[in-house]
N, C-alpha and C. Protein backbone atom coordinates (compact mmCIF):
# COMPACT_ATOMS: atom_id res chain seq x y z
N MET A 1 21.00 6.59 6.06
CA MET A 1 21.24 5.20 5.68
C MET A 1 20.90 5.00 4.22
N GLY A 2 21.73 4.33 3.46
CA GLY A 2 21.40 3.97 2.08
C GLY A 2 21.41 5.15 1.14
N ASN A 3 21.01 4.87 -0.09
CA ASN A 3 21.00 5.86 -1.15
C ASN A 3 19.57 6.29 -1.41
N CYS A 4 19.30 7.59 -1.28
CA CYS A 4 17.94 8.09 -1.42
C CYS A 4 17.61 8.58 -2.81
N THR A 5 18.50 8.39 -3.77
CA THR A 5 18.25 8.86 -5.11
C THR A 5 17.61 7.76 -5.96
N GLN A 6 16.94 8.19 -7.03
CA GLN A 6 16.32 7.23 -7.94
C GLN A 6 17.41 6.36 -8.56
N SER A 7 17.19 5.05 -8.56
CA SER A 7 18.24 4.15 -9.02
C SER A 7 17.80 3.24 -10.17
N THR A 8 16.52 3.07 -10.38
CA THR A 8 16.05 2.15 -11.41
C THR A 8 14.85 2.74 -12.15
N GLN A 9 14.35 1.99 -13.09
CA GLN A 9 13.24 2.43 -13.93
C GLN A 9 11.93 2.53 -13.13
N ILE A 10 11.17 3.58 -13.42
CA ILE A 10 9.88 3.79 -12.76
C ILE A 10 8.86 2.77 -13.27
N VAL A 11 8.06 2.22 -12.37
CA VAL A 11 6.98 1.30 -12.74
C VAL A 11 5.82 2.11 -13.31
N GLU A 12 5.40 1.76 -14.51
CA GLU A 12 4.31 2.45 -15.17
C GLU A 12 2.98 1.73 -14.90
N PRO A 13 1.85 2.47 -14.98
CA PRO A 13 0.55 1.84 -14.74
C PRO A 13 0.29 0.63 -15.65
N SER A 14 0.78 0.66 -16.88
CA SER A 14 0.53 -0.46 -17.80
C SER A 14 1.12 -1.76 -17.28
N TRP A 15 2.23 -1.68 -16.53
CA TRP A 15 2.87 -2.87 -15.97
C TRP A 15 2.01 -3.45 -14.84
N LEU A 16 1.24 -2.58 -14.19
CA LEU A 16 0.38 -3.00 -13.08
C LEU A 16 -1.00 -3.44 -13.57
N ALA A 17 -1.30 -3.22 -14.84
CA ALA A 17 -2.63 -3.54 -15.38
C ALA A 17 -2.74 -5.01 -15.75
N ARG A 18 -2.39 -5.86 -14.80
CA ARG A 18 -2.46 -7.31 -14.93
C ARG A 18 -3.15 -7.86 -13.69
N PRO A 19 -3.57 -9.12 -13.69
CA PRO A 19 -4.21 -9.68 -12.50
C PRO A 19 -3.32 -9.54 -11.26
N SER A 20 -3.94 -9.29 -10.14
CA SER A 20 -3.18 -9.09 -8.89
C SER A 20 -2.34 -10.29 -8.53
N THR A 21 -2.80 -11.49 -8.90
CA THR A 21 -2.05 -12.70 -8.57
C THR A 21 -0.76 -12.83 -9.41
N VAL A 22 -0.68 -12.07 -10.49
CA VAL A 22 0.53 -12.03 -11.31
C VAL A 22 1.43 -10.90 -10.84
N VAL A 23 0.83 -9.76 -10.54
CA VAL A 23 1.59 -8.59 -10.12
C VAL A 23 2.23 -8.78 -8.74
N ALA A 24 1.50 -9.42 -7.82
CA ALA A 24 1.97 -9.52 -6.43
C ALA A 24 3.37 -10.12 -6.31
N PRO A 25 3.65 -11.29 -6.91
CA PRO A 25 5.02 -11.81 -6.80
C PRO A 25 6.02 -10.98 -7.59
N ASP A 26 5.58 -10.34 -8.68
CA ASP A 26 6.48 -9.51 -9.47
C ASP A 26 6.91 -8.24 -8.74
N LEU A 27 6.11 -7.82 -7.77
CA LEU A 27 6.45 -6.61 -7.00
C LEU A 27 7.58 -6.85 -6.00
N LEU A 28 7.84 -8.11 -5.65
CA LEU A 28 8.91 -8.39 -4.70
C LEU A 28 10.25 -7.93 -5.27
N GLY A 29 10.96 -7.16 -4.48
CA GLY A 29 12.23 -6.59 -4.93
C GLY A 29 12.10 -5.21 -5.53
N CYS A 30 10.87 -4.80 -5.87
CA CYS A 30 10.65 -3.42 -6.32
C CYS A 30 10.74 -2.48 -5.11
N THR A 31 10.90 -1.21 -5.38
CA THR A 31 11.06 -0.23 -4.31
C THR A 31 9.91 0.75 -4.29
N ILE A 32 9.35 0.98 -3.11
CA ILE A 32 8.39 2.05 -2.90
C ILE A 32 9.15 3.29 -2.45
N VAL A 33 8.88 4.42 -3.10
CA VAL A 33 9.50 5.69 -2.71
C VAL A 33 8.40 6.61 -2.21
N ARG A 34 8.61 7.16 -1.04
CA ARG A 34 7.66 8.10 -0.43
C ARG A 34 8.34 9.46 -0.34
N GLN A 35 7.76 10.45 -1.01
CA GLN A 35 8.28 11.81 -0.94
C GLN A 35 7.41 12.61 0.02
N LEU A 36 8.01 13.09 1.09
CA LEU A 36 7.29 13.87 2.09
C LEU A 36 7.10 15.30 1.61
N ALA A 37 6.26 16.04 2.31
CA ALA A 37 5.96 17.42 1.92
C ALA A 37 7.20 18.31 1.90
N ASP A 38 8.19 17.98 2.77
CA ASP A 38 9.41 18.79 2.82
C ASP A 38 10.46 18.34 1.81
N GLY A 39 10.09 17.36 0.95
CA GLY A 39 11.00 16.89 -0.08
C GLY A 39 11.84 15.70 0.31
N LYS A 40 11.84 15.33 1.58
CA LYS A 40 12.62 14.17 2.01
C LYS A 40 12.06 12.90 1.39
N LEU A 41 12.95 11.95 1.08
CA LEU A 41 12.56 10.68 0.47
C LEU A 41 12.76 9.53 1.44
N LEU A 42 11.78 8.65 1.50
CA LEU A 42 11.88 7.40 2.24
C LEU A 42 11.74 6.28 1.23
N ARG A 43 12.59 5.26 1.35
CA ARG A 43 12.59 4.18 0.37
C ARG A 43 12.55 2.83 1.08
N GLY A 44 11.79 1.91 0.51
CA GLY A 44 11.73 0.56 1.07
C GLY A 44 11.53 -0.46 -0.03
N MET A 45 12.28 -1.55 0.02
CA MET A 45 12.11 -2.63 -0.94
C MET A 45 10.97 -3.54 -0.51
N ILE A 46 10.09 -3.86 -1.42
CA ILE A 46 8.95 -4.72 -1.12
C ILE A 46 9.43 -6.15 -0.92
N VAL A 47 9.11 -6.72 0.25
CA VAL A 47 9.56 -8.08 0.56
C VAL A 47 8.40 -9.03 0.83
N GLU A 48 7.17 -8.51 0.86
CA GLU A 48 6.02 -9.38 1.14
C GLU A 48 4.75 -8.74 0.58
N THR A 49 3.95 -9.54 -0.12
CA THR A 49 2.72 -9.05 -0.73
C THR A 49 1.60 -10.07 -0.59
N GLU A 50 0.37 -9.58 -0.76
CA GLU A 50 -0.81 -10.44 -0.84
C GLU A 50 -1.70 -9.94 -1.97
N ALA A 51 -2.31 -10.87 -2.70
CA ALA A 51 -3.20 -10.51 -3.81
C ALA A 51 -4.66 -10.62 -3.39
N TYR A 52 -5.47 -9.70 -3.92
CA TYR A 52 -6.92 -9.71 -3.72
C TYR A 52 -7.56 -9.46 -5.09
N ALA A 53 -8.57 -10.27 -5.43
CA ALA A 53 -9.08 -10.27 -6.80
C ALA A 53 -10.59 -10.51 -6.83
N PRO A 54 -11.22 -10.30 -7.99
CA PRO A 54 -12.65 -10.58 -8.12
C PRO A 54 -12.96 -12.04 -7.77
N GLY A 55 -14.09 -12.26 -7.12
CA GLY A 55 -14.48 -13.60 -6.72
C GLY A 55 -13.82 -14.08 -5.45
N ASP A 56 -12.99 -13.26 -4.87
CA ASP A 56 -12.26 -13.59 -3.65
C ASP A 56 -13.05 -13.08 -2.45
N PRO A 57 -13.56 -13.96 -1.58
CA PRO A 57 -14.39 -13.50 -0.47
C PRO A 57 -13.67 -12.61 0.53
N ALA A 58 -12.34 -12.58 0.50
CA ALA A 58 -11.58 -11.71 1.40
C ALA A 58 -11.34 -10.32 0.80
N CYS A 59 -11.71 -10.15 -0.46
CA CYS A 59 -11.49 -8.88 -1.14
C CYS A 59 -12.55 -7.86 -0.71
N HIS A 60 -12.13 -6.62 -0.48
CA HIS A 60 -13.08 -5.58 -0.05
C HIS A 60 -14.17 -5.32 -1.09
N ALA A 61 -13.90 -5.65 -2.34
CA ALA A 61 -14.87 -5.40 -3.42
C ALA A 61 -15.67 -6.65 -3.78
N TYR A 62 -15.67 -7.64 -2.91
CA TYR A 62 -16.30 -8.92 -3.22
C TYR A 62 -17.80 -8.77 -3.50
N ARG A 63 -18.48 -7.99 -2.69
CA ARG A 63 -19.94 -7.89 -2.82
C ARG A 63 -20.36 -6.81 -3.82
N ARG A 64 -19.83 -5.62 -3.68
CA ARG A 64 -20.28 -4.52 -4.53
C ARG A 64 -19.31 -3.34 -4.37
N GLN A 65 -19.50 -2.36 -5.23
CA GLN A 65 -18.71 -1.14 -5.13
C GLN A 65 -19.30 -0.23 -4.06
N THR A 66 -18.46 0.35 -3.24
CA THR A 66 -18.87 1.26 -2.17
C THR A 66 -17.95 2.47 -2.18
N PRO A 67 -18.30 3.53 -1.46
CA PRO A 67 -17.38 4.68 -1.38
C PRO A 67 -16.00 4.29 -0.84
N ARG A 68 -15.95 3.28 0.04
CA ARG A 68 -14.67 2.87 0.62
C ARG A 68 -13.77 2.19 -0.41
N ASN A 69 -14.37 1.31 -1.24
CA ASN A 69 -13.54 0.49 -2.12
C ASN A 69 -13.52 0.97 -3.58
N GLU A 70 -14.14 2.11 -3.88
CA GLU A 70 -14.31 2.49 -5.28
C GLU A 70 -12.99 2.64 -6.04
N VAL A 71 -11.92 2.99 -5.37
CA VAL A 71 -10.64 3.13 -6.07
C VAL A 71 -10.18 1.79 -6.65
N MET A 72 -10.60 0.68 -6.03
CA MET A 72 -10.24 -0.65 -6.55
C MET A 72 -10.84 -0.91 -7.93
N PHE A 73 -11.93 -0.21 -8.25
CA PHE A 73 -12.59 -0.37 -9.53
C PHE A 73 -11.99 0.53 -10.60
N GLY A 74 -11.06 1.38 -10.20
CA GLY A 74 -10.45 2.32 -11.12
C GLY A 74 -9.27 1.72 -11.87
N SER A 75 -8.53 2.58 -12.51
CA SER A 75 -7.41 2.13 -13.33
C SER A 75 -6.22 1.72 -12.48
N ALA A 76 -5.39 0.85 -13.02
CA ALA A 76 -4.21 0.36 -12.32
C ALA A 76 -3.23 1.51 -12.06
N GLY A 77 -2.45 1.34 -10.98
CA GLY A 77 -1.42 2.32 -10.69
C GLY A 77 -1.83 3.37 -9.68
N GLN A 78 -2.97 3.19 -9.04
CA GLN A 78 -3.39 4.06 -7.93
C GLN A 78 -3.15 3.31 -6.62
N VAL A 79 -3.17 4.07 -5.52
CA VAL A 79 -3.06 3.41 -4.23
C VAL A 79 -4.42 3.38 -3.55
N TYR A 80 -4.67 2.29 -2.87
CA TYR A 80 -5.89 2.10 -2.08
C TYR A 80 -5.43 1.98 -0.63
N VAL A 81 -5.81 2.97 0.16
CA VAL A 81 -5.41 3.01 1.57
C VAL A 81 -6.65 2.90 2.43
N TYR A 82 -6.64 1.95 3.36
CA TYR A 82 -7.78 1.82 4.27
C TYR A 82 -7.28 1.65 5.70
N LEU A 83 -8.19 1.81 6.62
CA LEU A 83 -7.89 1.74 8.05
C LEU A 83 -8.47 0.46 8.63
N ILE A 84 -7.67 -0.27 9.43
CA ILE A 84 -8.16 -1.46 10.11
C ILE A 84 -8.05 -1.26 11.62
N TYR A 85 -8.97 -1.87 12.34
CA TYR A 85 -9.01 -1.78 13.81
C TYR A 85 -9.05 -0.34 14.30
N GLY A 86 -9.46 0.57 13.42
CA GLY A 86 -9.57 1.97 13.81
C GLY A 86 -8.25 2.67 14.06
N MET A 87 -7.11 2.01 13.72
CA MET A 87 -5.83 2.64 14.05
C MET A 87 -4.69 2.33 13.09
N TYR A 88 -4.78 1.28 12.28
CA TYR A 88 -3.66 0.91 11.40
C TYR A 88 -4.06 1.11 9.93
N HIS A 89 -3.23 1.82 9.20
CA HIS A 89 -3.46 1.98 7.77
C HIS A 89 -2.79 0.84 7.00
N CYS A 90 -3.37 0.50 5.85
CA CYS A 90 -2.81 -0.52 4.98
C CYS A 90 -2.69 0.05 3.58
N LEU A 91 -1.55 -0.23 2.94
CA LEU A 91 -1.27 0.27 1.59
C LEU A 91 -1.48 -0.83 0.57
N ASN A 92 -2.30 -0.55 -0.42
CA ASN A 92 -2.57 -1.48 -1.52
C ASN A 92 -2.31 -0.78 -2.84
N ILE A 93 -1.90 -1.55 -3.82
CA ILE A 93 -1.67 -1.04 -5.17
C ILE A 93 -2.74 -1.62 -6.09
N VAL A 94 -3.50 -0.75 -6.74
CA VAL A 94 -4.58 -1.18 -7.62
C VAL A 94 -3.98 -1.76 -8.90
N THR A 95 -4.52 -2.91 -9.31
CA THR A 95 -4.01 -3.63 -10.48
C THR A 95 -5.15 -3.94 -11.44
N ASP A 96 -4.81 -4.65 -12.51
CA ASP A 96 -5.77 -5.19 -13.49
C ASP A 96 -6.43 -4.08 -14.31
N ARG A 97 -7.43 -4.48 -15.10
CA ARG A 97 -8.09 -3.55 -16.00
C ARG A 97 -9.10 -2.67 -15.25
N ASP A 98 -9.44 -1.55 -15.87
CA ASP A 98 -10.43 -0.65 -15.32
C ASP A 98 -11.74 -1.40 -15.09
N GLN A 99 -12.37 -1.18 -13.94
CA GLN A 99 -13.62 -1.80 -13.52
C GLN A 99 -13.46 -3.26 -13.11
N VAL A 100 -12.23 -3.75 -13.02
CA VAL A 100 -11.98 -5.09 -12.46
C VAL A 100 -11.34 -4.88 -11.09
N PRO A 101 -12.12 -5.00 -10.01
CA PRO A 101 -11.60 -4.68 -8.68
C PRO A 101 -10.51 -5.65 -8.23
N SER A 102 -9.32 -5.15 -8.13
CA SER A 102 -8.17 -6.01 -7.89
C SER A 102 -7.07 -5.16 -7.28
N ALA A 103 -6.36 -5.70 -6.29
CA ALA A 103 -5.29 -4.93 -5.66
C ALA A 103 -4.30 -5.86 -4.98
N VAL A 104 -3.11 -5.33 -4.74
CA VAL A 104 -2.07 -6.05 -4.01
C VAL A 104 -1.78 -5.30 -2.71
N LEU A 105 -1.91 -6.02 -1.61
CA LEU A 105 -1.57 -5.46 -0.30
C LEU A 105 -0.05 -5.56 -0.12
N ILE A 106 0.57 -4.45 0.23
CA ILE A 106 2.00 -4.46 0.54
C ILE A 106 2.12 -4.76 2.03
N ARG A 107 2.63 -5.96 2.34
CA ARG A 107 2.66 -6.40 3.73
C ARG A 107 3.94 -6.01 4.46
N ALA A 108 5.06 -5.89 3.76
CA ALA A 108 6.30 -5.58 4.47
C ALA A 108 7.33 -5.00 3.50
N LEU A 109 8.19 -4.15 4.06
CA LEU A 109 9.27 -3.53 3.31
C LEU A 109 10.59 -3.72 4.05
N GLN A 110 11.66 -3.81 3.29
CA GLN A 110 13.02 -3.71 3.83
C GLN A 110 13.42 -2.25 3.63
N ILE A 111 13.48 -1.50 4.73
CA ILE A 111 13.77 -0.07 4.63
C ILE A 111 15.18 0.15 4.10
N GLN A 112 15.28 0.98 3.07
CA GLN A 112 16.57 1.28 2.44
C GLN A 112 17.06 2.68 2.79
N CYS A 113 16.13 3.58 2.98
CA CYS A 113 16.52 4.97 3.23
C CYS A 113 15.41 5.67 4.01
N ILE A 114 15.76 6.23 5.15
CA ILE A 114 14.86 7.08 5.94
C ILE A 114 15.67 8.22 6.51
N PRO A 115 15.02 9.32 6.88
CA PRO A 115 15.75 10.41 7.52
C PRO A 115 16.43 9.92 8.80
N PRO A 116 17.59 10.48 9.15
CA PRO A 116 18.35 10.03 10.33
C PRO A 116 17.53 10.03 11.62
N GLU A 117 16.59 10.96 11.74
CA GLU A 117 15.82 11.04 12.98
C GLU A 117 14.87 9.86 13.15
N LEU A 118 14.59 9.13 12.07
CA LEU A 118 13.70 7.97 12.15
C LEU A 118 14.48 6.65 12.23
N ASP A 119 15.79 6.71 12.08
CA ASP A 119 16.61 5.50 12.07
C ASP A 119 16.73 4.94 13.48
N PRO A 120 16.28 3.69 13.72
CA PRO A 120 16.33 3.12 15.08
C PRO A 120 17.73 2.75 15.54
N GLY A 121 18.70 2.73 14.62
CA GLY A 121 20.08 2.59 15.07
C GLY A 121 20.70 1.21 14.98
N THR A 122 19.92 0.14 15.05
CA THR A 122 20.49 -1.20 14.93
C THR A 122 19.90 -1.89 13.72
N SER A 123 20.65 -2.80 13.13
CA SER A 123 20.18 -3.46 11.92
C SER A 123 18.93 -4.29 12.18
N PHE A 124 18.84 -4.92 13.37
CA PHE A 124 17.65 -5.73 13.68
C PHE A 124 16.41 -4.83 13.74
N LYS A 125 16.51 -3.74 14.47
CA LYS A 125 15.35 -2.85 14.58
C LYS A 125 15.00 -2.23 13.23
N ARG A 126 16.01 -1.95 12.42
CA ARG A 126 15.77 -1.38 11.11
C ARG A 126 15.04 -2.40 10.23
N ASP A 127 15.44 -3.66 10.32
CA ASP A 127 14.78 -4.72 9.55
C ASP A 127 13.31 -4.84 9.91
N ARG A 128 12.97 -4.59 11.18
CA ARG A 128 11.60 -4.78 11.64
C ARG A 128 10.77 -3.49 11.59
N LEU A 129 11.38 -2.42 11.12
CA LEU A 129 10.72 -1.11 11.12
C LEU A 129 9.45 -1.10 10.27
N ALA A 130 9.46 -1.84 9.16
CA ALA A 130 8.30 -1.88 8.26
C ALA A 130 7.85 -3.31 8.02
N ALA A 131 8.02 -4.15 9.05
CA ALA A 131 7.69 -5.58 8.95
C ALA A 131 6.23 -5.83 9.29
N GLY A 132 5.35 -5.28 8.49
CA GLY A 132 3.91 -5.42 8.68
C GLY A 132 3.21 -4.26 8.00
N PRO A 133 1.96 -4.47 7.53
CA PRO A 133 1.27 -3.42 6.77
C PRO A 133 1.04 -2.13 7.56
N GLY A 134 0.69 -2.26 8.84
CA GLY A 134 0.50 -1.06 9.66
C GLY A 134 1.81 -0.36 9.96
N LYS A 135 2.85 -1.14 10.21
CA LYS A 135 4.17 -0.58 10.53
C LYS A 135 4.76 0.17 9.34
N LEU A 136 4.61 -0.38 8.15
CA LEU A 136 5.19 0.30 6.99
C LEU A 136 4.46 1.60 6.68
N CYS A 137 3.14 1.62 6.90
CA CYS A 137 2.41 2.87 6.69
C CYS A 137 2.80 3.91 7.72
N LYS A 138 3.10 3.47 8.93
CA LYS A 138 3.52 4.41 9.96
C LYS A 138 4.86 5.05 9.62
N VAL A 139 5.83 4.23 9.23
CA VAL A 139 7.16 4.77 8.95
C VAL A 139 7.18 5.60 7.66
N LEU A 140 6.34 5.25 6.68
CA LEU A 140 6.27 6.02 5.44
C LEU A 140 5.26 7.16 5.51
N GLN A 141 4.61 7.31 6.65
CA GLN A 141 3.63 8.39 6.87
C GLN A 141 2.53 8.35 5.80
N ILE A 142 1.94 7.16 5.69
CA ILE A 142 0.85 6.94 4.74
C ILE A 142 -0.46 6.83 5.51
N ASP A 143 -1.46 7.60 5.08
CA ASP A 143 -2.79 7.50 5.69
C ASP A 143 -3.84 7.68 4.60
N ARG A 144 -5.10 7.80 5.01
CA ARG A 144 -6.20 7.85 4.05
C ARG A 144 -6.13 9.08 3.14
N SER A 145 -5.38 10.09 3.52
CA SER A 145 -5.27 11.28 2.66
C SER A 145 -4.60 10.95 1.33
N LEU A 146 -3.88 9.82 1.28
CA LEU A 146 -3.21 9.41 0.04
C LEU A 146 -4.04 8.43 -0.78
N ASN A 147 -5.23 8.07 -0.31
CA ASN A 147 -6.08 7.14 -1.05
C ASN A 147 -6.39 7.70 -2.44
N ALA A 148 -6.29 6.85 -3.46
CA ALA A 148 -6.55 7.19 -4.86
C ALA A 148 -5.45 8.03 -5.50
N THR A 149 -4.33 8.21 -4.80
CA THR A 149 -3.19 8.91 -5.37
C THR A 149 -2.54 8.04 -6.45
N PRO A 150 -2.19 8.61 -7.60
CA PRO A 150 -1.49 7.81 -8.61
C PRO A 150 -0.04 7.57 -8.21
N LEU A 151 0.45 6.38 -8.50
CA LEU A 151 1.87 6.07 -8.29
C LEU A 151 2.63 6.66 -9.48
N LYS A 152 3.28 7.78 -9.23
CA LYS A 152 3.89 8.52 -10.33
C LYS A 152 5.00 9.40 -9.80
N LEU A 153 6.10 9.47 -10.53
CA LEU A 153 7.21 10.33 -10.15
C LEU A 153 6.71 11.76 -9.99
N GLY A 154 7.04 12.37 -8.85
CA GLY A 154 6.57 13.72 -8.55
C GLY A 154 5.36 13.73 -7.63
N GLU A 155 4.68 12.58 -7.50
CA GLU A 155 3.58 12.43 -6.55
C GLU A 155 4.17 11.98 -5.20
N PRO A 156 3.33 11.91 -4.15
CA PRO A 156 3.85 11.47 -2.85
C PRO A 156 4.40 10.05 -2.83
N LEU A 157 3.96 9.21 -3.78
CA LEU A 157 4.42 7.82 -3.84
C LEU A 157 4.69 7.42 -5.28
N TRP A 158 5.75 6.64 -5.47
CA TRP A 158 5.96 6.00 -6.76
C TRP A 158 6.71 4.69 -6.54
N LEU A 159 6.76 3.89 -7.61
CA LEU A 159 7.40 2.58 -7.57
C LEU A 159 8.57 2.53 -8.54
N GLU A 160 9.61 1.82 -8.16
CA GLU A 160 10.74 1.57 -9.04
C GLU A 160 10.92 0.07 -9.21
N HIS A 161 11.21 -0.34 -10.45
CA HIS A 161 11.43 -1.75 -10.73
C HIS A 161 12.64 -2.27 -9.95
N ARG A 162 12.62 -3.55 -9.66
CA ARG A 162 13.78 -4.15 -9.01
C ARG A 162 14.96 -4.21 -9.99
N SER A 163 16.13 -4.28 -9.42
CA SER A 163 17.34 -4.37 -10.22
C SER A 163 17.29 -5.64 -11.07
N PRO A 164 17.70 -5.56 -12.33
CA PRO A 164 17.72 -6.76 -13.17
C PRO A 164 18.70 -7.82 -12.65
N HIS A 165 19.60 -7.40 -11.77
CA HIS A 165 20.56 -8.34 -11.20
C HIS A 165 19.99 -9.10 -10.00
N LEU A 166 18.83 -8.63 -9.50
CA LEU A 166 18.21 -9.28 -8.35
C LEU A 166 17.29 -10.39 -8.83
N ILE A 167 17.60 -11.61 -8.45
CA ILE A 167 16.74 -12.76 -8.76
C ILE A 167 16.23 -13.30 -7.42
N PRO A 168 15.06 -12.84 -7.00
CA PRO A 168 14.58 -13.20 -5.66
C PRO A 168 14.17 -14.66 -5.54
N GLU A 169 14.43 -15.22 -4.37
CA GLU A 169 13.92 -16.55 -4.05
C GLU A 169 12.62 -16.36 -3.28
N VAL A 170 11.54 -16.77 -3.87
CA VAL A 170 10.21 -16.42 -3.38
C VAL A 170 9.51 -17.62 -2.76
N VAL A 171 8.82 -17.36 -1.65
CA VAL A 171 7.97 -18.36 -1.01
C VAL A 171 6.52 -17.96 -1.27
N GLN A 172 5.70 -18.91 -1.71
CA GLN A 172 4.27 -18.68 -1.91
C GLN A 172 3.50 -19.48 -0.88
N THR A 173 2.52 -18.82 -0.24
CA THR A 173 1.77 -19.49 0.82
C THR A 173 0.39 -18.83 0.95
N THR A 174 -0.33 -19.15 2.00
CA THR A 174 -1.65 -18.57 2.21
C THR A 174 -1.55 -17.23 2.93
N ARG A 175 -2.61 -16.44 2.81
CA ARG A 175 -2.61 -15.11 3.40
C ARG A 175 -2.80 -15.16 4.91
N ILE A 176 -2.56 -14.01 5.55
CA ILE A 176 -2.52 -13.93 7.01
C ILE A 176 -3.71 -13.13 7.55
N GLY A 177 -4.24 -13.57 8.68
CA GLY A 177 -5.22 -12.78 9.42
C GLY A 177 -6.59 -12.68 8.80
N LEU A 178 -6.98 -13.67 8.01
CA LEU A 178 -8.28 -13.64 7.34
C LEU A 178 -9.22 -14.70 7.92
N THR A 179 -10.52 -14.47 7.73
CA THR A 179 -11.51 -15.47 8.09
C THR A 179 -12.16 -16.07 6.84
N LYS A 180 -11.97 -15.42 5.69
CA LYS A 180 -12.52 -15.90 4.42
C LYS A 180 -11.38 -16.01 3.41
N GLY A 181 -11.52 -16.92 2.48
CA GLY A 181 -10.49 -17.09 1.46
C GLY A 181 -9.16 -17.53 2.04
N VAL A 182 -9.21 -18.24 3.17
CA VAL A 182 -7.98 -18.59 3.89
C VAL A 182 -7.13 -19.63 3.16
N ASP A 183 -7.74 -20.37 2.26
CA ASP A 183 -7.00 -21.44 1.58
C ASP A 183 -6.31 -20.98 0.30
N LEU A 184 -6.59 -19.77 -0.14
CA LEU A 184 -5.97 -19.29 -1.38
C LEU A 184 -4.49 -18.98 -1.15
N PRO A 185 -3.59 -19.54 -1.95
CA PRO A 185 -2.15 -19.33 -1.75
C PRO A 185 -1.69 -18.02 -2.40
N TRP A 186 -2.21 -16.92 -1.92
CA TRP A 186 -1.99 -15.62 -2.57
C TRP A 186 -1.14 -14.68 -1.73
N ARG A 187 -0.20 -15.25 -1.00
CA ARG A 187 0.79 -14.44 -0.27
C ARG A 187 2.17 -14.87 -0.75
N TRP A 188 3.03 -13.88 -0.99
CA TRP A 188 4.39 -14.14 -1.45
C TRP A 188 5.37 -13.34 -0.61
N TYR A 189 6.52 -13.91 -0.32
CA TYR A 189 7.54 -13.16 0.39
C TYR A 189 8.93 -13.66 0.02
N LEU A 190 9.93 -12.82 0.28
CA LEU A 190 11.31 -13.19 -0.01
C LEU A 190 11.81 -14.16 1.06
N LYS A 191 12.32 -15.27 0.62
CA LYS A 191 12.79 -16.30 1.53
C LYS A 191 13.94 -15.78 2.40
N ASP A 192 13.88 -16.11 3.69
CA ASP A 192 14.93 -15.77 4.67
C ASP A 192 15.16 -14.27 4.83
N CYS A 193 14.18 -13.47 4.44
CA CYS A 193 14.31 -12.02 4.62
C CYS A 193 13.88 -11.64 6.04
N PRO A 194 14.73 -10.93 6.79
CA PRO A 194 14.38 -10.57 8.17
C PRO A 194 13.30 -9.52 8.30
N ALA A 195 12.92 -8.89 7.18
CA ALA A 195 11.89 -7.85 7.24
C ALA A 195 10.49 -8.35 6.96
N VAL A 196 10.32 -9.65 6.67
CA VAL A 196 8.99 -10.21 6.43
C VAL A 196 8.16 -10.10 7.70
N SER A 197 6.84 -9.86 7.53
CA SER A 197 6.00 -9.53 8.68
C SER A 197 5.87 -10.65 9.70
N LYS A 198 5.87 -11.89 9.23
CA LYS A 198 5.67 -13.00 10.16
C LYS A 198 6.67 -14.09 9.80
N LEU A 199 7.72 -14.22 10.59
CA LEU A 199 8.79 -15.15 10.26
C LEU A 199 8.43 -16.57 10.69
């Protein structure tokens, strides 16, 4: 399904070295590319994001630096992968300046290209294949082994800018599934997109 070749400009770390609340909406329409060990490529367009930043009680780095969250304190352009409920991985992109703990959670993707054996066969099921942070990590085969990996061409993961012809219609709202920082409007998604995690 779709075109598995590189189609647009690679996102550089300098573009991600901005506050997460600025980067998160800008990531909508960009593409995550996952290169598997056998060379196969999986591609998904980012359709939903959430920002986490210093001073945010829902941020993993809110209290202090720990072995779990230390990658958030590093330079922009790395991935922060963590496990929730003991079974679901979540993919985050580290943003902002070095030592400023900040990241964007990738909540949902519109799958553009996967190997035929992973294709569910119908457009509805394909739309929902990565409609949630745990689901997208499952289909892209992302786990803690990729934590702190740089987003870079030739690495297991990289980012491509959205097409300049794509002008997304974006909805901004509050984040999902939190007990702290629930009033912050730091979730963005593409309007009327069937791949968004919670319609």
